[in-house]
């Protein structure tokens, strides 16, 4: 939370420049083909999804700004170990000239064809054009087009990519893939159905799977699973899947599967949590069981799980994962019938998201904590420039959450981040868009409506910020109101914030009642340590700075039922 304020690639880069220069020098500029047309699918990313492009490390996402044309563009969240290469395989004709063009923005962005010509630009601050021509081989029937950035050079954007030339086919490949097998539903909500199936085979190769709802193609993916969103509650739907190859040959349909979505009203995941923050490393930590007995609260958000060095999780970077005071408190909470959700990250400190070298390394660190405490939920508190405003780290965190959720059935994943008074910031919107793009399946998007210059109307600004989040979730995921609310959390700050915003017990009660009335998923505040009176005490670690009863905010929060 914000108030913690109280308390190699260059050699490889030069080598690739040499390779790219040779490729360009050897490329032959050829005139356009009479039958020229853009043979790429989703060339401007206007579908709002990455597919049928496929990006290494799940580091590609669709953004609404900055764009070159239309309303969408591709963003590749380059990391220190991954160039975020996004590629698409298409059918081409042998011995044929093709012209590849595109618009890119960022530091060291490449456009090319696997095994052939490529081009690049150094560091445009605005969209710049790239173009390269190539001729297919004598027996070549497919080509893989790519765009990528360079190691540790920051996120790039790409838009309006075109491969001009005749489409494939012409008798070169007329064999369709086999039908996908064993289509089944792997999960559902009131507005979505998740599906999986067995892979098809093809004489050349399968490049995409088209998901049908009835006779309508509603989704195209490159893998063997998909989640269809934007559905109505308590409604029966029938799905099939067809495979497609680079030449456009389409398989017969898979078996059909019929699924009835969950009832609406509560919407979404069914997950409800009243869990104020408790921090054992700061602010005269109170007895958790004393607070539980006095207020009836059952859950606590335990802060903060950080990096102890080498992508190794430790409480506050210096207390052991197990065997220390934090485990002792957790044991006491569970013995009293409660439970905890650990919060990873926060405003400051050495964070796992920023310091683990890859999404897989971060997922392994998260798994250590999940295993240590047999967790039902985890919270990623994504703040500051090292995580929230670092697009590569955002991607790493979301990919890691997707991994641990897949490996731990029933685990609920929460992301917590700052907001404006009217909804998510640019980076908040990007976080949500990227979660959708990679299929992270986040259960709760929690905003922190404080320290945003909200002024006196903390109730009105909190509601407006939450409604802004709801609108963003609806537009990104295709959810209805009930489902969007059911994926929302509010994490406030009791009493005085760092910016002297004052959330009184009466205001927090109104926020709690609004949250119950709109059936959101989670209510929290920073922090139980501060849930004690000290009128005129200012912003300190062990009291709220205002007049209140001891544990009053916790008692109010305990009345949250969603």
Protein backbone atom coordinates (compact mmCIF):
# COMPACT_ATOMS: atom_id res chain seq x y z
CA UNK A 1 0.00 0.00 0.00
CA UNK A 2 1.10 3.56 -0.54
CA UNK A 3 1.65 4.51 3.09
CA UNK A 4 4.70 2.32 3.40
CA UNK A 5 6.40 5.67 2.82
CA UNK A 6 5.84 5.95 6.51
CA UNK A 7 7.86 3.49 7.55
CA UNK A 8 24.29 -8.45 -21.47
CA UNK A 9 22.48 -8.05 -24.56
CA UNK A 10 24.80 -5.65 -26.39
CA UNK A 11 27.14 -8.22 -27.92
CA UNK A 12 24.13 -10.19 -29.14
CA UNK A 13 22.56 -6.93 -30.31
CA UNK A 14 25.54 -6.00 -32.49
CA UNK A 15 25.65 -9.52 -33.89
CA UNK A 16 22.00 -9.30 -34.87
CA UNK A 17 22.52 -5.90 -36.46
CA UNK A 18 25.14 -7.50 -38.68
CA UNK A 19 22.77 -10.30 -39.62
CA UNK A 20 19.95 -7.86 -40.33
CA UNK A 21 22.26 -5.73 -42.47
CA UNK A 22 23.29 -8.74 -44.52
CA UNK A 23 19.67 -9.75 -44.96
CA UNK A 24 18.76 -6.29 -46.20
CA UNK A 25 21.74 -6.10 -48.49
CA UNK A 26 20.74 -9.39 -50.07
CA UNK A 27 17.08 -8.54 -50.47
CA UNK A 28 15.94 -7.80 -54.01
CA UNK A 29 13.50 -4.96 -54.50
CA UNK A 30 10.70 -6.39 -56.58
CA UNK A 31 7.69 -4.71 -58.14
CA UNK A 32 4.26 -5.29 -56.68
CA UNK A 33 2.36 -8.33 -57.80
CA UNK A 34 -0.73 -7.87 -59.92
CA UNK A 35 -2.76 -9.88 -57.45
CA UNK A 36 -1.31 -8.09 -54.41
CA UNK A 37 -3.42 -8.01 -51.25
CA UNK A 38 -2.67 -8.08 -47.54
CA UNK A 39 -2.64 -11.77 -46.67
CA UNK A 40 -2.21 -11.24 -42.92
CA UNK A 41 -5.09 -11.74 -40.50
CA UNK A 42 -5.75 -9.06 -37.87
CA UNK A 43 -3.03 -6.83 -39.37
CA UNK A 44 -4.08 -3.73 -37.44
CA UNK A 45 -5.07 -5.60 -34.25
CA UNK A 46 -8.53 -4.08 -34.44
CA UNK A 47 -10.11 -7.35 -33.23
CA UNK A 48 -8.91 -6.38 -29.76
CA UNK A 49 -7.05 -9.68 -29.40
CA UNK A 50 -3.52 -10.72 -30.26
CA UNK A 51 -4.61 -13.91 -32.07
CA UNK A 52 -3.71 -15.20 -34.61
CA UNK A 53 -0.40 -13.53 -33.81
CA UNK A 54 1.56 -15.47 -31.23
CA UNK A 55 3.99 -13.71 -28.86
CA UNK A 56 6.86 -15.27 -26.94
CA UNK A 57 6.47 -15.26 -23.19
CA UNK A 58 2.84 -14.09 -23.54
CA UNK A 59 4.39 -10.63 -23.68
CA UNK A 60 2.13 -9.24 -26.40
CA UNK A 61 -1.02 -7.30 -25.58
CA UNK A 62 -3.49 -5.02 -27.33
CA UNK A 63 -3.55 -1.37 -26.34
CA UNK A 64 -5.76 1.56 -27.28
CA UNK A 65 -2.94 4.12 -27.10
CA UNK A 66 -0.62 4.94 -28.76
CA UNK A 67 -1.92 3.69 -32.12
CA UNK A 68 -1.01 4.45 -35.73
CA UNK A 69 -4.34 3.72 -37.37
CA UNK A 70 -7.73 2.63 -36.11
CA UNK A 71 -8.26 2.23 -32.38
CA UNK A 72 -5.91 -0.63 -31.44
CA UNK A 73 -2.24 -1.53 -31.66
CA UNK A 74 0.11 -4.29 -30.50
CA UNK A 75 2.40 -3.71 -27.53
CA UNK A 76 5.35 -6.03 -26.89
CA UNK A 77 6.56 -5.90 -23.28
CA UNK A 78 10.25 -6.64 -23.85
CA UNK A 79 12.17 -7.94 -20.83
CA UNK A 80 15.84 -8.51 -20.07
CA UNK A 81 15.46 -12.11 -21.27
CA UNK A 82 12.74 -11.95 -23.94
CA UNK A 83 12.42 -9.75 -27.06
CA UNK A 84 8.62 -10.20 -27.15
CA UNK A 85 8.64 -11.65 -30.66
CA UNK A 86 5.12 -11.69 -32.11
CA UNK A 87 4.63 -13.74 -35.27
CA UNK A 88 1.96 -15.02 -37.65
CA UNK A 89 2.25 -17.83 -40.19
CA UNK A 90 0.42 -17.41 -43.49
CA UNK A 91 0.10 -19.32 -46.75
CA UNK A 92 2.22 -18.02 -49.64
CA UNK A 93 3.02 -19.09 -53.19
CA UNK A 94 6.41 -20.41 -54.27
CA UNK A 95 8.73 -18.21 -56.35
CA UNK A 96 6.65 -15.13 -55.62
CA UNK A 97 7.53 -11.58 -54.60
CA UNK A 98 6.07 -10.18 -51.37
CA UNK A 99 6.32 -6.75 -49.76
CA UNK A 100 6.22 -6.54 -45.97
CA UNK A 101 5.44 -3.18 -44.35
CA UNK A 102 4.43 -1.96 -40.93
CA UNK A 103 4.46 0.93 -38.48
CA UNK A 104 6.45 0.64 -35.25
CA UNK A 105 7.30 2.75 -32.24
CA UNK A 106 9.97 2.10 -29.61
CA UNK A 107 13.64 1.32 -29.16
CA UNK A 108 15.19 -1.15 -31.65
CA UNK A 109 12.09 -2.66 -33.28
CA UNK A 110 12.40 -5.32 -35.98
CA UNK A 111 10.10 -6.44 -38.78
CA UNK A 112 10.88 -9.48 -40.91
CA UNK A 113 10.20 -13.02 -42.06
CA UNK A 114 11.64 -16.10 -40.38
CA UNK A 115 14.64 -17.41 -42.28
CA UNK A 116 14.67 -14.41 -44.60
CA UNK A 117 14.90 -10.65 -44.83
CA UNK A 118 14.35 -8.23 -41.96
CA UNK A 119 14.65 -4.55 -41.19
CA UNK A 120 14.73 -2.44 -38.04
CA UNK A 121 14.66 1.07 -36.65
CA UNK A 122 16.62 2.41 -33.71
CA UNK A 123 14.44 4.48 -31.41
CA UNK A 124 11.53 6.39 -32.85
CA UNK A 125 9.45 8.29 -30.31
CA UNK A 126 6.55 8.29 -32.78
CA UNK A 127 5.33 5.65 -35.20
CA UNK A 128 7.76 5.11 -38.08
CA UNK A 129 7.35 2.96 -41.20
CA UNK A 130 9.40 -0.17 -41.88
CA UNK A 131 9.42 -2.10 -45.15
CA UNK A 132 11.26 -5.05 -46.63
CA UNK A 133 10.75 -7.23 -49.72
CA UNK A 134 11.48 -10.90 -50.22
CA UNK A 135 10.86 -13.71 -52.69
CA UNK A 136 9.61 -17.10 -51.56
CA UNK A 137 11.56 -20.26 -52.29
CA UNK A 138 10.85 -22.70 -55.08
CA UNK A 139 8.82 -25.01 -52.82
CA UNK A 140 7.77 -22.57 -50.11
CA UNK A 141 4.07 -22.57 -49.21
CA UNK A 142 4.10 -20.71 -45.88
CA UNK A 143 5.93 -17.78 -44.30
CA UNK A 144 6.17 -16.62 -40.69
CA UNK A 145 6.07 -12.85 -40.34
CA UNK A 146 7.36 -11.31 -37.12
CA UNK A 147 7.85 -8.09 -35.21
CA UNK A 148 9.94 -7.82 -32.05
CA UNK A 149 11.89 -5.46 -29.84
CA UNK A 150 15.25 -5.91 -28.17
CA UNK A 151 16.40 -7.05 -24.74
CA UNK A 152 15.75 -4.57 -21.92
CA UNK A 153 14.92 -1.77 -24.38
CA UNK A 154 11.37 -1.23 -23.16
CA UNK A 155 7.94 -1.89 -24.60
CA UNK A 156 7.45 -1.38 -28.33
CA UNK A 157 4.26 -0.80 -30.30
CA UNK A 158 3.39 -2.10 -33.79
CA UNK A 159 0.38 -1.40 -35.98
CA UNK A 160 -0.96 -1.75 -39.53
CA UNK A 161 1.34 -4.56 -40.63
CA UNK A 162 0.86 -5.67 -44.23
CA UNK A 163 2.19 -8.55 -46.29
CA UNK A 164 1.25 -7.67 -49.86
CA UNK A 165 1.18 -10.42 -52.45
CA UNK A 166 -1.00 -13.25 -53.66
CA UNK A 167 -2.55 -15.53 -51.08
CA UNK A 168 -1.46 -19.13 -50.77
CA UNK A 169 -3.19 -22.04 -52.34
CA UNK A 170 -3.34 -22.40 -56.08
CA UNK A 171 -3.23 -26.15 -55.59
CA UNK A 172 -0.09 -26.09 -53.43
CA UNK A 173 -1.92 -27.19 -50.26
CA UNK A 174 -5.50 -28.36 -50.38
CA UNK A 175 -5.44 -30.80 -47.44
CA UNK A 176 -7.47 -29.69 -44.42
CA UNK A 177 -6.40 -30.41 -40.82
CA UNK A 178 -8.08 -33.14 -38.83
CA UNK A 179 -10.98 -32.10 -36.62
CA UNK A 180 -10.11 -31.04 -33.05
CA UNK A 181 -10.99 -33.77 -30.57
CA UNK A 182 -12.43 -34.07 -27.08
CA UNK A 183 -13.85 -30.56 -26.81
CA UNK A 184 -14.92 -29.97 -23.21
CA UNK A 185 -15.82 -27.12 -20.89
CA UNK A 186 -13.25 -26.45 -18.17
CA UNK A 187 -15.14 -23.70 -16.32
CA UNK A 188 -17.87 -21.11 -16.50
CA UNK A 189 -19.22 -17.91 -14.91
CA UNK A 190 -22.44 -15.99 -15.49
CA UNK A 191 -20.89 -14.40 -18.57
CA UNK A 192 -18.12 -16.71 -19.83
CA UNK A 193 -17.33 -20.31 -20.71
CA UNK A 194 -13.82 -21.78 -20.79
CA UNK A 195 -13.08 -24.56 -23.30
CA UNK A 196 -10.24 -26.93 -24.14
CA UNK A 197 -9.68 -29.54 -26.85
CA UNK A 198 -7.11 -31.90 -28.31
CA UNK A 199 -4.82 -30.59 -31.03
CA UNK A 200 -5.47 -31.23 -34.73
CA UNK A 201 -2.86 -32.47 -37.18
CA UNK A 202 -2.09 -31.20 -40.67
CA UNK A 203 0.27 -32.09 -43.53
CA UNK A 204 1.88 -28.62 -43.26
CA UNK A 205 0.79 -27.30 -39.90
CA UNK A 206 -2.18 -25.95 -37.98
CA UNK A 207 -2.02 -22.16 -37.57
CA UNK A 208 -5.29 -21.33 -35.79
CA UNK A 209 -8.43 -22.66 -34.17
CA UNK A 210 -11.81 -20.99 -34.74
CA UNK A 211 -14.28 -21.24 -31.85
CA UNK A 212 -17.96 -21.25 -32.84
CA UNK A 213 -20.98 -20.43 -30.71
CA UNK A 214 -23.70 -22.07 -32.73
CA UNK A 215 -22.88 -21.04 -36.31
CA UNK A 216 -21.01 -17.84 -35.32
CA UNK A 217 -17.23 -17.70 -35.21
CA UNK A 218 -16.70 -15.82 -31.93
CA UNK A 219 -13.00 -16.32 -31.25
CA UNK A 220 -9.77 -17.34 -32.99
CA UNK A 221 -6.81 -18.66 -30.96
CA UNK A 222 -3.50 -20.33 -31.68
CA UNK A 223 -3.57 -22.81 -28.77
CA UNK A 224 -5.95 -25.53 -27.61
CA UNK A 225 -7.95 -23.59 -25.04
CA UNK A 226 -10.08 -20.47 -25.03
CA UNK A 227 -12.53 -18.48 -22.89
CA UNK A 228 -15.62 -17.08 -24.61
CA UNK A 229 -16.83 -13.95 -22.80
CA UNK A 230 -19.76 -11.58 -23.14
CA UNK A 231 -22.40 -14.27 -22.58
CA UNK A 232 -25.74 -13.93 -20.80
CA UNK A 233 -26.41 -15.44 -17.38
CA UNK A 234 -28.45 -18.65 -17.03
CA UNK A 235 -28.32 -19.27 -20.78
CA UNK A 236 -27.49 -22.46 -22.71
CA UNK A 237 -24.83 -22.21 -25.42
CA UNK A 238 -23.41 -24.79 -27.82
CA UNK A 239 -19.79 -24.62 -28.93
CA UNK A 240 -17.66 -26.30 -31.59
CA UNK A 241 -14.09 -25.73 -32.76
CA UNK A 242 -12.51 -25.96 -36.23
CA UNK A 243 -8.80 -26.03 -37.09
CA UNK A 244 -7.26 -23.96 -39.89
CA UNK A 245 -3.91 -24.19 -41.70
CA UNK A 246 -1.79 -21.53 -43.36
CA UNK A 247 -3.43 -22.12 -46.75
CA UNK A 248 -6.85 -21.42 -45.28
CA UNK A 249 -8.01 -25.05 -45.34
CA UNK A 250 -10.52 -25.60 -42.55
CA UNK A 251 -11.19 -28.85 -40.72
CA UNK A 252 -14.51 -30.43 -39.92
CA UNK A 253 -16.04 -29.31 -36.64
CA UNK A 254 -15.13 -30.92 -33.35
CA UNK A 255 -17.71 -32.57 -31.20
CA UNK A 256 -20.17 -30.05 -29.80
CA UNK A 257 -20.44 -29.18 -26.12
CA UNK A 258 -23.42 -27.47 -24.50
CA UNK A 259 -22.94 -25.29 -21.44
CA UNK A 260 -25.40 -23.26 -19.37
CA UNK A 261 -23.84 -20.18 -17.81
CA UNK A 262 -24.19 -19.48 -14.11
CA UNK A 263 -27.00 -17.39 -12.72
CA UNK A 264 -26.49 -13.63 -12.67
CA UNK A 265 -26.96 -11.27 -9.76
CA UNK A 266 -23.88 -12.20 -7.78
CA UNK A 267 -22.01 -12.52 -11.07
CA UNK A 268 -18.52 -13.72 -11.72
CA UNK A 269 -16.47 -15.85 -9.40
CA UNK A 270 -18.59 -16.06 -6.24
CA UNK A 271 -15.52 -14.94 -4.29
CA UNK A 272 -16.19 -12.48 -1.45
CA UNK A 273 -13.56 -11.22 0.98
CA UNK A 274 -13.45 -8.62 3.76
CA UNK A 275 -9.72 -8.51 4.50
CA UNK A 276 -8.08 -5.42 6.02
CA UNK A 277 -4.30 -5.22 5.88
CA UNK A 278 -2.21 -6.36 8.85
CA UNK A 279 1.54 -5.69 8.88
CA UNK A 280 3.83 -7.44 11.35
CA UNK A 281 6.86 -5.31 10.49
CA UNK A 282 5.53 -1.87 11.36
CA UNK A 283 3.07 0.19 13.41
CA UNK A 284 2.82 -1.64 16.75
CA UNK A 285 1.14 -4.75 15.31
CA UNK A 286 -1.97 -5.63 17.33
CA UNK A 287 -2.99 -9.12 18.38
CA UNK A 288 -4.89 -10.56 15.42
CA UNK A 289 -7.12 -12.71 17.63
CA UNK A 290 -7.96 -9.72 19.84
CA UNK A 291 -9.08 -7.83 16.73
CA UNK A 292 -11.04 -10.84 15.48
CA UNK A 293 -12.85 -11.26 18.79
CA UNK A 294 -13.67 -7.56 18.98
CA UNK A 295 -14.89 -7.10 15.41
CA UNK A 296 -15.90 -10.43 13.90
CA UNK A 297 -13.49 -10.02 10.99
CA UNK A 298 -12.29 -13.38 9.58
CA UNK A 299 -9.77 -12.52 6.85
CA UNK A 300 -6.62 -10.41 6.94
CA UNK A 301 -4.41 -9.28 4.07
CA UNK A 302 -0.91 -9.96 5.38
CA UNK A 303 1.74 -7.47 4.22
CA UNK A 304 4.23 -7.63 2.60
CA UNK A 305 5.80 -10.58 0.80
CA UNK A 306 8.99 -9.28 -0.83
CA UNK A 307 12.26 -10.54 -2.30
CA UNK A 308 14.85 -11.67 0.22
CA UNK A 309 17.43 -11.92 -2.56
CA UNK A 310 17.67 -14.23 -5.55
CA UNK A 311 13.92 -14.26 -6.20
CA UNK A 312 13.41 -15.79 -2.76
CA UNK A 313 10.16 -14.82 -0.97
CA UNK A 314 10.45 -13.44 2.56
CA UNK A 315 8.18 -11.33 4.70
CA UNK A 316 9.29 -7.72 4.26
CA UNK A 317 12.56 -9.03 2.71
CA UNK A 318 13.98 -9.86 6.14
CA UNK A 319 11.60 -12.14 8.05
CA UNK A 320 11.57 -15.85 7.15
CA UNK A 321 8.84 -17.27 4.96
CA UNK A 322 8.02 -19.82 7.66
CA UNK A 323 8.95 -20.25 11.29
CA UNK A 324 8.83 -16.57 12.25
CA UNK A 325 6.35 -14.12 13.71
CA UNK A 326 4.25 -14.00 10.53
CA UNK A 327 3.64 -17.73 10.55
CA UNK A 328 2.83 -17.58 14.24
CA UNK A 329 0.19 -14.92 13.61
CA UNK A 330 -1.23 -16.85 10.65
CA UNK A 331 -1.52 -19.96 12.81
CA UNK A 332 -3.37 -17.95 15.46
CA UNK A 333 -5.77 -16.50 12.89
CA UNK A 334 -6.53 -19.92 11.45
CA UNK A 335 -6.97 -21.44 14.91
CA UNK A 336 -9.59 -18.76 15.56
CA UNK A 337 -11.49 -19.73 12.41
CA UNK A 338 -10.04 -17.10 10.08
CA UNK A 339 -7.63 -17.07 7.16
CA UNK A 340 -5.20 -14.80 5.33
CA UNK A 341 -4.25 -13.64 1.86
CA UNK A 342 -0.61 -12.53 1.52
CA UNK A 343 0.08 -9.27 -0.30
CA UNK A 344 3.07 -9.34 -2.65
CA UNK A 345 4.69 -6.00 -3.40
CA UNK A 346 3.49 -2.63 -2.13
CA UNK A 347 4.85 0.88 -2.61
CA UNK A 348 8.49 0.26 -1.75
CA UNK A 349 11.08 -2.41 -0.99
CA UNK A 350 12.68 -5.14 -3.08
CA UNK A 351 9.79 -6.71 -4.94
CA UNK A 352 9.60 -10.18 -6.44
CA UNK A 353 7.84 -8.94 -9.58
CA UNK A 354 10.66 -6.54 -10.37
CA UNK A 355 13.55 -8.77 -9.29
CA UNK A 356 12.64 -12.27 -10.46
CA UNK A 357 14.22 -12.68 -13.90
CA UNK A 358 11.25 -14.20 -15.71
CA UNK A 359 7.58 -15.04 -15.37
CA UNK A 360 8.45 -18.68 -14.68
CA UNK A 361 10.88 -17.67 -11.91
CA UNK A 362 8.25 -15.40 -10.38
CA UNK A 363 5.63 -18.16 -10.60
CA UNK A 364 8.03 -20.49 -8.77
CA UNK A 365 8.47 -17.90 -6.01
CA UNK A 366 4.71 -17.46 -5.67
CA UNK A 367 4.33 -21.24 -5.55
CA UNK A 368 6.70 -21.41 -2.57
CA UNK A 369 4.37 -19.17 -0.60
CA UNK A 370 1.24 -20.97 -1.80
CA UNK A 371 2.70 -24.30 -0.70
CA UNK A 372 4.00 -22.96 2.61
CA UNK A 373 0.55 -21.78 3.71
CA UNK A 374 -1.88 -23.85 1.58
CA UNK A 375 -3.33 -20.58 0.31
CA UNK A 376 -6.79 -20.00 -1.09
CA UNK A 377 -5.92 -16.59 -2.56
CA UNK A 378 -2.97 -14.28 -3.30
CA UNK A 379 -2.86 -10.50 -3.77
CA UNK A 380 -0.35 -8.75 -6.04
CA UNK A 381 -0.12 -5.14 -4.85
CA UNK A 382 1.36 -3.57 -8.02
CA UNK A 383 2.63 -0.05 -7.40
CA UNK A 384 5.27 2.51 -8.29
CA UNK A 385 7.55 2.73 -11.34
CA UNK A 386 9.31 -0.60 -10.76
CA UNK A 387 6.16 -2.70 -11.23
CA UNK A 388 2.98 -0.80 -12.07
CA UNK A 389 4.59 1.61 -14.54
CA UNK A 390 6.99 -0.97 -15.97
CA UNK A 391 5.17 -2.71 -18.79
CA UNK A 392 7.55 -5.69 -18.91
CA UNK A 393 7.08 -6.29 -15.17
CA UNK A 394 3.31 -5.96 -15.55
CA UNK A 395 3.45 -8.73 -18.16
CA UNK A 396 5.72 -10.86 -15.96
CA UNK A 397 3.35 -10.58 -13.01
CA UNK A 398 0.22 -11.38 -15.01
CA UNK A 399 1.88 -14.35 -16.73
CA UNK A 400 3.06 -15.69 -13.37
CA UNK A 401 -0.45 -15.34 -11.94
CA UNK A 402 -1.85 -17.21 -14.93
CA UNK A 403 0.68 -19.99 -14.30
CA UNK A 404 -0.01 -20.45 -10.59
CA UNK A 405 -3.75 -20.31 -11.13
CA UNK A 406 -3.49 -23.12 -13.67
CA UNK A 407 -1.30 -25.13 -11.30
CA UNK A 408 -3.48 -24.59 -8.20
CA UNK A 409 -7.16 -25.31 -8.94
CA UNK A 410 -9.43 -23.08 -6.90
CA UNK A 411 -6.78 -20.44 -6.16
CA UNK A 412 -8.15 -16.89 -6.40
CA UNK A 413 -5.88 -14.19 -7.83
CA UNK A 414 -6.15 -10.51 -6.91
CA UNK A 415 -4.31 -7.52 -8.38
CA UNK A 416 -4.29 -4.25 -6.44
CA UNK A 417 -3.29 -0.92 -8.00
CA UNK A 418 -3.79 2.83 -7.80
CA UNK A 419 -6.50 4.85 -9.51
CA UNK A 420 -7.70 8.33 -10.38
CA UNK A 421 -10.96 9.72 -9.06
CA UNK A 422 -12.69 8.62 -12.27
CA UNK A 423 -11.15 5.19 -12.83
CA UNK A 424 -7.90 3.48 -13.81
CA UNK A 425 -4.89 5.41 -15.08
CA UNK A 426 -3.14 4.63 -18.39
CA UNK A 427 -1.15 1.90 -16.64
CA UNK A 428 -4.24 0.56 -14.90
CA UNK A 429 -6.07 0.33 -18.21
CA UNK A 430 -3.05 -1.36 -19.74
CA UNK A 431 -2.92 -3.88 -16.88
CA UNK A 432 -6.55 -4.80 -17.49
CA UNK A 433 -6.09 -5.03 -21.27
CA UNK A 434 -3.02 -7.22 -20.90
CA UNK A 435 -4.79 -9.51 -18.41
CA UNK A 436 -7.47 -10.04 -21.05
CA UNK A 437 -4.97 -10.46 -23.88
CA UNK A 438 -2.96 -13.24 -22.22
CA UNK A 439 -5.95 -14.93 -20.58
CA UNK A 440 -4.67 -14.37 -17.03
CA UNK A 441 -8.19 -14.94 -15.59
CA UNK A 442 -7.74 -12.52 -12.69
CA UNK A 443 -10.51 -12.93 -10.11
CA UNK A 444 -10.45 -9.47 -8.53
CA UNK A 445 -9.17 -6.11 -9.79
CA UNK A 446 -8.79 -4.00 -6.62
CA UNK A 447 -8.28 -0.25 -6.75
CA UNK A 448 -6.85 1.98 -4.00
CA UNK A 449 -9.01 5.14 -4.02
CA UNK A 450 -6.78 7.38 -1.91
CA UNK A 451 -3.61 9.45 -2.36
CA UNK A 452 -5.11 10.51 -5.69
CA UNK A 453 -5.87 14.12 -4.76
CA UNK A 454 -9.45 13.15 -4.03
CA UNK A 455 -10.11 16.05 -1.71
CA UNK A 456 -13.01 16.10 0.72
CA UNK A 457 -15.54 13.85 -1.01
CA UNK A 458 -13.93 10.47 -0.33
CA UNK A 459 -17.25 8.63 -0.70
CA UNK A 460 -18.15 10.25 -4.03
CA UNK A 461 -14.67 9.91 -5.46
CA UNK A 462 -14.38 6.28 -4.33
CA UNK A 463 -17.70 5.42 -6.00
CA UNK A 464 -16.74 7.32 -9.17
CA UNK A 465 -13.36 5.56 -9.33
CA UNK A 466 -15.04 2.18 -8.89
CA UNK A 467 -17.62 2.92 -11.55
CA UNK A 468 -14.77 3.88 -13.89
CA UNK A 469 -13.15 0.51 -13.20
CA UNK A 470 -16.46 -1.24 -13.86
CA UNK A 471 -16.80 0.50 -17.21
CA UNK A 472 -13.28 -0.53 -18.20
CA UNK A 473 -13.87 -4.16 -17.21
CA UNK A 474 -17.10 -4.25 -19.20
CA UNK A 475 -15.53 -2.85 -22.34
CA UNK A 476 -12.44 -5.06 -22.10
CA UNK A 477 -14.04 -8.38 -21.17
CA UNK A 478 -17.55 -7.95 -22.56
CA UNK A 479 -19.09 -8.45 -19.10
CA UNK A 480 -22.44 -7.23 -17.89
CA UNK A 481 -22.67 -4.91 -14.88
CA UNK A 482 -23.14 -7.70 -12.33
CA UNK A 483 -20.16 -9.67 -13.57
CA UNK A 484 -17.93 -6.61 -13.68
CA UNK A 485 -18.84 -5.62 -10.11
CA UNK A 486 -18.16 -9.20 -9.00
CA UNK A 487 -14.54 -8.82 -10.19
CA UNK A 488 -13.93 -5.54 -8.33
CA UNK A 489 -12.29 -4.77 -5.02
CA UNK A 490 -11.89 -1.54 -3.03
CA UNK A 491 -8.91 -1.02 -0.74
CA UNK A 492 -9.16 2.28 1.12
CA UNK A 493 -7.17 4.07 3.81
CA UNK A 494 -8.76 4.68 7.17
CA UNK A 495 -8.55 8.17 8.59
CA UNK A 496 -5.97 10.52 7.12
CA UNK A 497 -4.08 9.59 3.95
CA UNK A 498 -0.64 10.85 2.97
CA UNK A 499 -2.41 13.65 1.07
CA UNK A 500 -4.60 14.51 4.10
CA UNK A 501 -7.73 13.01 2.55
CA UNK A 502 -10.01 12.05 5.42
CA UNK A 503 -12.04 8.85 5.31
CA UNK A 504 -14.13 8.93 8.50
CA UNK A 505 -15.95 5.93 10.00
CA UNK A 506 -19.21 7.32 8.61
CA UNK A 507 -17.74 7.62 5.11
CA UNK A 508 -16.25 4.11 5.29
CA UNK A 509 -19.65 2.78 6.39
CA UNK A 510 -21.24 4.39 3.34
CA UNK A 511 -18.55 2.91 1.08
CA UNK A 512 -19.12 -0.51 2.68
CA UNK A 513 -22.87 -0.25 2.15
CA UNK A 514 -22.38 0.79 -1.48
CA UNK A 515 -20.02 -2.16 -1.98
CA UNK A 516 -22.59 -4.56 -0.53
CA UNK A 517 -25.35 -3.05 -2.63
CA UNK A 518 -23.33 -3.54 -5.81
CA UNK A 519 -22.04 -6.99 -4.85
CA UNK A 520 -18.37 -6.34 -5.38
CA UNK A 521 -15.84 -9.03 -4.47
CA UNK A 522 -13.45 -7.52 -1.94
CA UNK A 523 -13.19 -4.79 0.68
CA UNK A 524 -9.93 -3.90 2.44
CA UNK A 525 -8.19 -0.93 4.01
CA UNK A 526 -4.72 0.16 5.09
CA UNK A 527 -4.37 -0.86 7.87
CA UNK A 528 -5.50 -2.59 11.06
CA UNK A 529 -2.29 -1.23 12.60
CA UNK A 530 -3.75 2.27 12.12
CA UNK A 531 -7.28 1.38 13.30
CA UNK A 532 -6.87 3.27 16.57
CA UNK A 533 -7.76 6.85 17.51
CA UNK A 534 -5.33 9.76 17.70
CA UNK A 535 -7.18 12.99 16.81
CA UNK A 536 -4.69 15.44 15.38
CA UNK A 537 -2.03 12.75 15.32
CA UNK A 538 -1.33 13.14 11.63
CA UNK A 539 -0.40 10.36 9.24
CA UNK A 540 1.42 7.83 11.39
CA UNK A 541 1.85 4.07 11.49
CA UNK A 542 -0.14 3.07 14.56
CA UNK A 543 -3.24 5.29 14.53
CA UNK A 544 -5.60 6.94 12.05
CA UNK A 545 -5.01 10.61 12.88
CA UNK A 546 -8.72 11.15 13.62
CA UNK A 547 -11.27 10.55 16.34
CA UNK A 548 -12.66 7.01 16.21
CA UNK A 549 -13.18 3.90 18.32
CA UNK A 550 -10.46 1.28 18.49
CA UNK A 551 -10.90 -1.23 15.64
CA UNK A 552 -13.90 0.74 14.32
CA UNK A 553 -12.90 0.50 10.65
CA UNK A 554 -12.26 -3.24 11.03
CA UNK A 555 -15.73 -3.69 12.56
CA UNK A 556 -17.28 -1.81 9.65
CA UNK A 557 -15.31 -3.87 7.13
CA UNK A 558 -16.41 -7.11 8.83
CA UNK A 559 -19.95 -6.17 7.76
CA UNK A 560 -18.99 -6.50 4.11
CA UNK A 561 -20.76 -9.51 2.58
CA UNK A 562 -20.72 -8.62 -1.11
